[in-house]
N, C-alpha and C. Protein backbone atom coordinates (compact mmCIF):
# COMPACT_ATOMS: atom_id res chain seq x y z
N MET A 1 0.87 -1.27 0.04
CA MET A 1 -0.04 0.05 -0.04
C MET A 1 0.92 1.30 -0.04
N MET A 2 0.61 2.19 -0.83
CA MET A 2 1.32 3.35 -0.77
C MET A 2 0.52 4.51 -0.48
N LYS A 3 1.06 5.57 0.22
CA LYS A 3 0.29 6.66 0.75
C LYS A 3 0.84 7.93 -0.21
N THR A 4 -0.19 8.59 -0.42
CA THR A 4 0.25 9.74 -1.24
C THR A 4 -0.43 10.98 -0.63
N ASN A 5 0.41 12.05 -0.43
CA ASN A 5 -0.10 13.28 0.16
C ASN A 5 -0.05 14.49 -0.97
N GLN A 6 -1.25 14.92 -1.21
CA GLN A 6 -1.28 16.18 -2.11
C GLN A 6 -2.26 17.34 -1.65
N LYS A 7 -1.61 18.27 -1.09
CA LYS A 7 -2.28 19.44 -0.44
C LYS A 7 -3.31 19.03 0.61
N ASN A 8 -2.73 18.37 1.71
CA ASN A 8 -3.56 17.94 2.79
C ASN A 8 -4.59 16.72 2.43
N GLN A 9 -4.33 16.14 1.40
CA GLN A 9 -5.26 15.08 1.05
C GLN A 9 -4.47 13.66 1.38
N GLN A 10 -5.31 12.93 2.20
CA GLN A 10 -4.65 11.47 2.39
C GLN A 10 -5.24 10.37 1.43
N ASN A 11 -4.45 10.04 0.44
CA ASN A 11 -4.93 9.06 -0.49
C ASN A 11 -3.85 7.78 -0.49
N TYR A 12 -4.66 6.63 -0.68
CA TYR A 12 -3.88 5.44 -0.44
C TYR A 12 -4.02 4.56 -1.56
N GLN A 13 -2.95 3.91 -2.22
CA GLN A 13 -3.03 3.10 -3.31
C GLN A 13 -2.64 1.78 -3.07
N MET A 14 -3.28 0.72 -3.66
CA MET A 14 -2.82 -0.67 -3.53
C MET A 14 -3.04 -1.55 -4.97
N LEU A 15 -2.10 -2.43 -5.23
CA LEU A 15 -2.09 -3.07 -6.43
C LEU A 15 -2.44 -4.46 -6.13
N LEU A 16 -3.37 -5.11 -7.02
CA LEU A 16 -3.67 -6.44 -6.63
C LEU A 16 -3.69 -7.13 -8.02
N PHE A 17 -2.97 -8.37 -7.97
CA PHE A 17 -2.77 -9.08 -9.24
C PHE A 17 -3.37 -10.47 -9.05
N TYR A 18 -4.18 -11.05 -10.06
CA TYR A 18 -4.62 -12.25 -9.97
C TYR A 18 -4.79 -12.84 -11.40
N GLU A 19 -3.90 -13.89 -11.79
CA GLU A 19 -3.81 -14.42 -12.88
C GLU A 19 -3.81 -13.26 -14.03
N ASP A 20 -4.74 -13.07 -15.00
CA ASP A 20 -4.66 -12.11 -15.98
C ASP A 20 -5.23 -10.97 -15.66
N THR A 21 -5.63 -10.55 -14.25
CA THR A 21 -6.37 -9.43 -13.88
C THR A 21 -5.40 -8.54 -13.00
N GLY A 22 -5.31 -7.29 -13.33
CA GLY A 22 -4.56 -6.38 -12.56
C GLY A 22 -5.57 -5.17 -12.08
N LEU A 23 -5.52 -4.83 -10.71
CA LEU A 23 -6.44 -3.85 -10.34
C LEU A 23 -5.56 -2.91 -9.45
N LEU A 24 -6.05 -1.58 -9.65
CA LEU A 24 -5.37 -0.46 -8.85
C LEU A 24 -6.43 0.07 -8.07
N ILE A 25 -6.40 -0.01 -6.70
CA ILE A 25 -7.32 0.43 -5.70
C ILE A 25 -6.90 1.61 -5.07
N GLU A 26 -7.72 2.61 -5.19
CA GLU A 26 -7.38 3.92 -4.45
C GLU A 26 -8.27 4.44 -3.49
N TYR A 27 -7.80 4.66 -2.38
CA TYR A 27 -8.76 5.14 -1.29
C TYR A 27 -8.37 6.67 -0.80
N ASP A 28 -9.48 7.43 -0.97
CA ASP A 28 -9.39 8.83 -0.43
C ASP A 28 -9.89 8.91 0.92
N GLU A 29 -9.05 9.07 1.87
CA GLU A 29 -9.40 9.04 3.31
C GLU A 29 -10.26 10.35 3.71
N ASN A 30 -9.93 11.45 3.05
CA ASN A 30 -10.77 12.76 3.30
C ASN A 30 -12.18 12.69 2.83
N ASN A 31 -12.49 11.80 1.83
CA ASN A 31 -13.81 11.76 1.38
C ASN A 31 -14.37 10.37 1.64
N ASN A 32 -13.61 9.36 2.16
CA ASN A 32 -14.09 8.02 2.37
C ASN A 32 -14.62 7.39 1.31
N THR A 33 -13.86 7.56 0.03
CA THR A 33 -14.16 6.90 -1.07
C THR A 33 -13.16 5.96 -1.84
N PHE A 34 -13.56 4.85 -2.40
CA PHE A 34 -12.71 3.91 -3.15
C PHE A 34 -12.84 4.23 -4.59
N GLN A 35 -11.83 4.15 -5.41
CA GLN A 35 -11.82 4.11 -6.95
C GLN A 35 -11.07 2.79 -7.38
N PHE A 36 -11.59 2.06 -8.49
CA PHE A 36 -10.94 0.87 -8.80
C PHE A 36 -10.58 1.09 -10.33
N GLN A 37 -9.49 0.71 -10.67
CA GLN A 37 -9.19 1.01 -12.16
C GLN A 37 -8.37 -0.38 -12.58
N LYS A 38 -8.78 -0.99 -13.61
CA LYS A 38 -8.10 -2.18 -14.10
C LYS A 38 -6.97 -1.80 -15.00
N ILE A 39 -5.82 -2.66 -14.68
CA ILE A 39 -4.51 -2.35 -15.36
C ILE A 39 -3.93 -3.66 -16.07
N PRO A 40 -3.34 -3.45 -17.08
CA PRO A 40 -2.84 -4.67 -17.82
C PRO A 40 -1.91 -5.38 -16.90
N VAL A 41 -1.88 -6.68 -17.36
CA VAL A 41 -0.80 -7.65 -16.73
C VAL A 41 0.06 -8.24 -17.83
N CYS A 42 1.23 -8.23 -17.74
CA CYS A 42 2.27 -8.61 -18.62
C CYS A 42 1.85 -10.35 -18.76
N HIS A 43 1.84 -10.87 -20.05
CA HIS A 43 1.51 -12.26 -20.26
C HIS A 43 2.32 -13.26 -19.31
N ASP A 44 3.81 -12.80 -19.26
CA ASP A 44 4.74 -13.58 -18.72
C ASP A 44 4.42 -13.78 -17.23
N MET A 45 3.63 -12.83 -16.53
CA MET A 45 3.37 -12.76 -15.29
C MET A 45 1.97 -13.48 -15.04
N GLU A 46 1.07 -13.87 -15.83
CA GLU A 46 -0.03 -14.45 -15.78
C GLU A 46 0.03 -15.79 -14.98
N PRO A 47 0.89 -16.68 -15.28
CA PRO A 47 0.74 -17.80 -14.60
C PRO A 47 1.66 -18.08 -13.33
N LEU A 48 2.16 -16.91 -12.82
CA LEU A 48 2.92 -16.88 -11.40
C LEU A 48 1.76 -16.90 -10.22
N TYR A 49 2.22 -17.71 -9.29
CA TYR A 49 1.53 -17.90 -8.06
C TYR A 49 2.46 -17.43 -6.89
N THR A 50 1.84 -17.08 -5.87
CA THR A 50 2.52 -16.75 -4.58
C THR A 50 3.67 -15.67 -4.79
N CYS A 51 3.52 -14.77 -5.43
CA CYS A 51 4.50 -13.72 -5.70
C CYS A 51 4.42 -12.51 -4.92
N ALA A 52 5.08 -11.80 -4.69
CA ALA A 52 5.08 -10.47 -3.92
C ALA A 52 5.38 -9.33 -4.90
N CYS A 53 4.68 -8.19 -4.65
CA CYS A 53 5.16 -7.06 -5.50
C CYS A 53 5.20 -5.65 -4.71
N VAL A 54 6.05 -4.75 -5.30
CA VAL A 54 6.27 -3.34 -4.63
C VAL A 54 6.32 -2.44 -5.67
N CYS A 55 5.83 -1.25 -5.44
CA CYS A 55 5.83 -0.16 -6.40
C CYS A 55 6.81 0.91 -5.99
N VAL A 56 7.86 1.26 -6.78
CA VAL A 56 8.78 2.15 -6.34
C VAL A 56 9.08 3.13 -7.55
N ASN A 57 8.77 4.30 -7.52
CA ASN A 57 9.02 5.45 -8.68
C ASN A 57 8.11 5.03 -9.80
N ASP A 58 7.06 4.51 -9.65
CA ASP A 58 6.17 4.21 -10.72
C ASP A 58 6.51 2.92 -11.41
N VAL A 59 7.39 2.14 -10.86
CA VAL A 59 7.82 0.65 -11.43
C VAL A 59 7.41 -0.36 -10.33
N ILE A 60 6.83 -1.37 -10.97
CA ILE A 60 6.31 -2.32 -10.36
C ILE A 60 7.34 -3.60 -10.16
N LEU A 61 7.96 -3.76 -9.09
CA LEU A 61 8.92 -4.91 -8.98
C LEU A 61 8.24 -6.17 -8.33
N PHE A 62 8.33 -7.41 -9.13
CA PHE A 62 7.93 -8.53 -8.51
C PHE A 62 8.93 -9.43 -7.99
N PHE A 63 8.48 -10.12 -6.78
CA PHE A 63 9.60 -11.03 -6.08
C PHE A 63 9.06 -12.37 -5.98
N GLY A 64 9.80 -13.49 -6.15
CA GLY A 64 9.33 -14.82 -5.83
C GLY A 64 8.41 -15.46 -6.92
N GLY A 65 7.62 -16.14 -6.60
CA GLY A 65 6.49 -16.77 -7.34
C GLY A 65 6.93 -18.09 -7.88
N SER A 66 5.94 -18.81 -8.33
CA SER A 66 6.07 -20.22 -8.83
C SER A 66 5.01 -20.51 -9.92
N ASN A 67 5.27 -21.47 -10.81
CA ASN A 67 4.27 -21.67 -11.79
C ASN A 67 3.19 -22.65 -11.60
N TYR A 68 3.13 -23.02 -10.26
CA TYR A 68 2.14 -23.95 -9.76
C TYR A 68 1.36 -23.57 -8.56
N PRO A 69 0.28 -23.74 -8.29
CA PRO A 69 -0.46 -23.29 -6.99
C PRO A 69 0.12 -24.08 -5.77
N SER A 70 0.35 -23.48 -4.62
CA SER A 70 0.67 -24.20 -3.44
C SER A 70 -0.36 -24.92 -2.75
């Protein structure tokens, strides 16, 4: 989860990946609202299970993972 502050606004962003679906979830703490945005997933990442990711400087880094469910 990433916190963004813009002019006293408290916004949080979270990325969710599942198979061929990517989702950016944004929460605006000031207005108590959620926004969802579908994002593309690289085809090489679709078959991965149990991986972790982090977003740094607008780049998503993936760690670990396997090609079979646990």
